[in-house]
C-alpha atoms as a PDB file:
ATOM      1  CA  LYS A   1      28.403  24.993 -54.643  1.00  0.00           C
ATOM      2  CA  ALA A   2      26.034  22.666 -52.587  1.00  0.00           C
ATOM      3  CA  LEU A   3      28.840  20.394 -51.740  1.00  0.00           C
ATOM      4  CA  ILE A   4      30.996  23.275 -50.402  1.00  0.00           C
ATOM      5  CA  GLU A   5      28.092  24.596 -48.315  1.00  0.00           C
ATOM      6  CA  ALA A   6      27.593  21.030 -46.906  1.00  0.00           C
ATOM      7  CA  PHE A   7      31.237  20.876 -45.973  1.00  0.00           C
ATOM      8  CA  VAL A   8      31.199  24.300 -44.251  1.00  0.00           C
ATOM      9  CA  SER A   9      28.155  23.321 -42.445  1.00  0.00           C
ATOM     10  CA  GLU A  10      29.597  20.158 -41.344  1.00  0.00           C
ATOM     11  CA  MET A  11      32.818  21.962 -40.093  1.00  0.00           C
ATOM     12  CA  ALA A  12      30.663  24.372 -38.288  1.00  0.00           C
ATOM     13  CA  ALA A  13      28.954  21.374 -36.406  1.00  0.00           C
ATOM     14  CA  VAL A  14      32.121  19.733 -35.619  1.00  0.00           C
ATOM     15  CA  ALA A  15      33.465  23.080 -33.978  1.00  0.00           C
ATOM     16  CA  ARG A  16      30.197  23.463 -32.195  1.00  0.00           C
ATOM     17  CA  ASN A  17      30.574  20.055 -30.867  1.00  0.00           C
ATOM     18  CA  LEU A  18      34.281  20.774 -29.712  1.00  0.00           C
ATOM     19  CA  LYS A  19      33.078  23.828 -27.987  1.00  0.00           C
ATOM     20  CA  ILE A  20      30.220  21.996 -26.005  1.00  0.00           C
ATOM     21  CA  LYS A  21      32.497  19.191 -25.059  1.00  0.00           C
ATOM     22  CA  VAL A  22      35.264  21.468 -23.805  1.00  0.00           C
ATOM     23  CA  GLY A  23      32.382  23.434 -21.813  1.00  0.00           C
ATOM     24  CA  VAL A  24      31.472  20.089 -20.336  1.00  0.00           C
ATOM     25  CA  VAL A  25      35.017  19.122 -19.130  1.00  0.00           C
ATOM     26  CA  ARG A  26      35.599  22.640 -17.869  1.00  0.00           C
ATOM     27  CA  ARG A  27      32.315  22.814 -15.884  1.00  0.00           C
ATOM     28  CA  THR A  28      33.022  19.197 -14.594  1.00  0.00           C
ATOM     29  CA  ALA A  29      36.375  19.907 -13.437  1.00  0.00           C
ATOM     30  CA  LYS A  30      35.140  23.086 -11.639  1.00  0.00           C
ATOM     31  CA  GLU A  31      32.400  20.977  -9.909  1.00  0.00           C
ATOM     32  CA  LEU A  32      35.222  18.430  -9.087  1.00  0.00           C
ATOM     33  CA  ALA A  33      37.450  21.055  -7.463  1.00  0.00           C
ATOM     34  CA  SER A  34      34.316  22.375  -5.520  1.00  0.00           C
ATOM     35  CA  TYR A  35      33.587  19.039  -4.000  1.00  0.00           C
ATOM     36  CA  GLU A  36      37.381  18.548  -3.052  1.00  0.00           C
ATOM     37  CA  LYS A  37      37.283  21.973  -1.149  1.00  0.00           C
ATOM     38  CA  GLU A  38      33.834  20.952   0.496  1.00  0.00           C
ATOM     39  CA  ILE A  39      35.217  17.674   1.580  1.00  0.00           C
ATOM     40  CA  LYS A  40      38.519  19.494   3.163  1.00  0.00           C
ATOM     41  CA  ASP A  41      36.361  22.205   4.784  1.00  0.00           C
ATOM     42  CA  GLN A  42      33.894  19.419   6.297  1.00  0.00           C
ATOM     43  CA  THR A  43      36.793  17.259   7.577  1.00  0.00           C
ATOM     44  CA  ASP A  44      38.202  20.336   9.426  1.00  0.00           C
ATOM     45  CA  LYS A  45      34.877  21.106  10.878  1.00  0.00           C
ATOM     46  CA  ILE A  46      34.330  17.652  11.948  1.00  0.00           C
ATOM     47  CA  GLU A  47      37.774  17.662  13.638  1.00  0.00           C
ATOM     48  CA  LYS A  48      37.211  20.934  15.362  1.00  0.00           C
ATOM     49  CA  MET A  49      33.924  19.653  16.652  1.00  0.00           C
ATOM     50  CA  ARG A  50      35.566  16.634  18.200  1.00  0.00           C
ATOM     51  CA  ALA A  51      38.348  18.657  19.621  1.00  0.00           C
ATOM     52  CA  GLU A  52      35.734  20.882  21.227  1.00  0.00           C
ATOM     53  CA  GLU A  53      33.740  17.712  22.327  1.00  0.00           C
ATOM     54  CA  ALA A  54      30.595  18.754  20.533  1.00  0.00           C
ATOM     55  CA  ASP A  55      27.481  16.690  20.778  1.00  0.00           C
ATOM     56  CA  PHE A  56      27.665  13.365  19.415  1.00  0.00           C
ATOM     57  CA  HIS A  57      24.542  13.687  17.284  1.00  0.00           C
ATOM     58  CA  ASP A  58      25.939  17.028  15.887  1.00  0.00           C
ATOM     59  CA  ILE A  59      29.185  15.294  14.715  1.00  0.00           C
ATOM     60  CA  LYS A  60      27.277  12.354  13.357  1.00  0.00           C
ATOM     61  CA  GLN A  61      25.250  14.753  11.371  1.00  0.00           C
ATOM     62  CA  GLN A  62      28.287  16.448   9.854  1.00  0.00           C
ATOM     63  CA  ASP A  63      29.674  13.015   8.997  1.00  0.00           C
ATOM     64  CA  GLU A  64      26.701  12.248   6.956  1.00  0.00           C
ATOM     65  CA  VAL A  65      27.225  15.621   5.107  1.00  0.00           C
ATOM     66  CA  LEU A  66      30.908  14.602   4.471  1.00  0.00           C
ATOM     67  CA  LYS A  67      29.962  11.064   3.163  1.00  0.00           C
ATOM     68  CA  GLU A  68      27.395  12.766   0.739  1.00  0.00           C
ATOM     69  CA  ALA A  69      30.159  15.092  -0.553  1.00  0.00           C
ATOM     70  CA  GLN A  70      32.516  12.085  -0.952  1.00  0.00           C
ATOM     71  CA  THR A  71      29.781  10.357  -3.034  1.00  0.00           C
ATOM     72  CA  CYS A  72      29.274  13.499  -5.165  1.00  0.00           C
ATOM     73  CA  LEU A  73      33.120  13.777  -5.751  1.00  0.00           C
ATOM     74  CA  ALA A  74      33.278  10.234  -6.829  1.00  0.00           C
ATOM     75  CA  ASP A  75      30.320  10.835  -9.351  1.00  0.00           C
ATOM     76  CA  ALA A  76      32.139  14.003 -10.620  1.00  0.00           C
ATOM     77  CA  LYS A  77      35.379  12.208 -11.128  1.00  0.00           C
ATOM     78  CA  ARG A  78      33.507   9.447 -13.134  1.00  0.00           C
ATOM     79  CA  ARG A  79      31.656  12.036 -15.194  1.00  0.00           C
ATOM     80  CA  LEU A  80      34.994  14.094 -15.780  1.00  0.00           C
ATOM     81  CA  ASP A  81      36.708  10.922 -16.929  1.00  0.00           C
ATOM     82  CA  GLY A  82      33.810  10.230 -19.479  1.00  0.00           C
ATOM     83  CA  ALA A  83      33.744  13.858 -20.787  1.00  0.00           C
ATOM     84  CA  ALA A  84      37.507  13.899 -21.173  1.00  0.00           C
ATOM     85  CA  SER A  85      37.418  10.678 -23.051  1.00  0.00           C
ATOM     86  CA  ASP A  86      34.687  11.907 -25.351  1.00  0.00           C
ATOM     87  CA  LEU A  87      36.835  14.991 -25.964  1.00  0.00           C
ATOM     88  CA  GLU A  88      39.658  12.883 -26.836  1.00  0.00           C
ATOM     89  CA  SER A  89      37.605  10.848 -29.298  1.00  0.00           C
ATOM     90  CA  LEU A  90      36.233  13.868 -31.009  1.00  0.00           C
ATOM     91  CA  MET A  91      39.847  15.342 -31.314  1.00  0.00           C
ATOM     92  CA  ALA A  92      41.154  12.006 -32.647  1.00  0.00           C
ATOM     93  CA  GLU A  93      38.251  11.755 -35.066  1.00  0.00           C
ATOM     94  CA  GLU A  94      38.261  15.190 -36.314  1.00  0.00           C
ATOM     95  CA  GLY A  95      41.667  16.801 -35.187  1.00  0.00           C
ATOM     96  CA  ASP A  96      42.756  18.064 -38.402  1.00  0.00           C
ATOM     97  CA  ALA A  97      39.341  19.765 -39.068  1.00  0.00           C
ATOM     98  CA  LEU A  98      39.412  21.297 -35.644  1.00  0.00           C
ATOM     99  CA  ALA A  99      43.028  22.780 -35.620  1.00  0.00           C
ATOM    100  CA  GLU A 100      41.555  26.135 -36.556  1.00  0.00           C
ATOM    101  CA  ALA A 101      38.848  26.244 -33.851  1.00  0.00           C
ATOM    102  CA  PRO A 102      39.350  28.831 -31.009  1.00  0.00           C
ATOM    103  CA  GLU A 103      38.941  25.992 -28.347  1.00  0.00           C
ATOM    104  CA  PHE A 104      41.405  23.646 -29.913  1.00  0.00           C
ATOM    105  CA  GLU A 105      44.467  24.442 -27.907  1.00  0.00           C
ATOM    106  CA  GLU A 106      42.333  24.369 -24.643  1.00  0.00           C
ATOM    107  CA  ALA A 107      40.723  20.900 -25.547  1.00  0.00           C
ATOM    108  CA  GLN A 108      44.251  19.548 -26.299  1.00  0.00           C
ATOM    109  CA  ALA A 109      45.442  20.734 -22.682  1.00  0.00           C
ATOM    110  CA  MET A 110      42.335  19.360 -21.063  1.00  0.00           C
ATOM    111  CA  VAL A 111      42.846  15.881 -22.900  1.00  0.00           C
ATOM    112  CA  LYS A 112      46.543  15.932 -21.613  1.00  0.00           C
ATOM    113  CA  GLN A 113      45.258  16.910 -17.971  1.00  0.00           C
ATOM    114  CA  TYR A 114      42.316  14.598 -17.722  1.00  0.00           C
ATOM    115  CA  VAL A 115      42.578  11.624 -19.743  1.00  0.00           C
ATOM    116  CA  VAL A 116      43.987   8.688 -17.806  1.00  0.00           C
ATOM    117  CA  ASP A 117      45.753   6.155 -20.065  1.00  0.00           C
END
């Protein structure tokens, strides 16, 4: 009986770990999309300011905002790669045990979408 309880407890821990890792990938992907949108919006804003011949210093300030967003985008990409790889590793190690977890299909789709070979 103790062996069965230990096994069930271990399975719950693995399923909880899957849920956490799926959440990290989901959140980081959302953050990445947000930075991509911010970069597009900021680029459009700078182009408009240049077309309207806005003050040089104002344009320079907006360029700095754009550079910061690009830095954040690169960091988010790096973190998404790491999180997706962690998720892939967990699924490779515990795949059979996780097949019944509610997040299993979503996790498979995320690995397929975000893991770069």
